[in-house]
Amino acid sequence: YDSGNACVRKAVDGYLLDGTVPKNGTVCS
């Protein structure tokens, strides 16, 4: 998961820390 993709890390960290699920359609380029 720690592949250097800040977008993915942010989404995963948000889920782990806040329990928030990324909106449907969230795309990390």
C-alpha atoms as a PDB file:
ATOM      1  CA  TYR A   1       0.000   0.000   0.000  1.00  0.00           C
ATOM      2  CA  ASP A   2       2.925   2.298   0.671  1.00  0.00           C
ATOM      3  CA  SER A   3       3.870   2.539  -2.981  1.00  0.00           C
ATOM      4  CA  GLY A   4       4.652   6.237  -2.857  1.00  0.00           C
ATOM      5  CA  ASN A   5       1.216   7.146  -4.202  1.00  0.00           C
ATOM      6  CA  ALA A   6       0.108   9.997  -1.957  1.00  0.00           C
ATOM      7  CA  CYS A   7      -3.454   9.784  -3.258  1.00  0.00           C
ATOM      8  CA  VAL A   8      -3.789   6.148  -2.274  1.00  0.00           C
ATOM      9  CA  ARG A   9      -2.090   6.712   1.082  1.00  0.00           C
ATOM     10  CA  LYS A  10      -4.422   9.602   1.833  1.00  0.00           C
ATOM     11  CA  ALA A  11      -7.470   7.506   1.026  1.00  0.00           C
ATOM     12  CA  VAL A  12      -6.274   4.568   3.113  1.00  0.00           C
ATOM     13  CA  ASP A  13      -5.125   6.736   6.008  1.00  0.00           C
ATOM     14  CA  GLY A  14      -8.446   8.546   5.976  1.00  0.00           C
ATOM     15  CA  TYR A  15     -10.227   5.222   6.222  1.00  0.00           C
ATOM     16  CA  LEU A  16      -7.998   3.841   8.951  1.00  0.00           C
ATOM     17  CA  LEU A  17      -7.894   7.006  11.046  1.00  0.00           C
ATOM     18  CA  ASP A  18     -11.338   8.487  10.479  1.00  0.00           C
ATOM     19  CA  GLY A  19     -13.379   5.541   9.245  1.00  0.00           C
ATOM     20  CA  THR A  20     -14.216   7.579   6.159  1.00  0.00           C
ATOM     21  CA  VAL A  21     -14.672   5.724   2.911  1.00  0.00           C
ATOM     22  CA  PRO A  22     -13.441   7.420  -0.276  1.00  0.00           C
ATOM     23  CA  LYS A  23     -16.324   8.614  -2.431  1.00  0.00           C
ATOM     24  CA  ASN A  24     -17.373   6.291  -5.216  1.00  0.00           C
ATOM     25  CA  GLY A  25     -15.472   7.269  -8.320  1.00  0.00           C
ATOM     26  CA  THR A  26     -12.405   8.424  -6.438  1.00  0.00           C
ATOM     27  CA  VAL A  27      -9.536   7.865  -8.849  1.00  0.00           C
ATOM     28  CA  CYS A  28      -5.848   7.954  -8.078  1.00  0.00           C
ATOM     29  CA  SER A  29      -3.767   8.631 -11.147  1.00  0.00           C
END
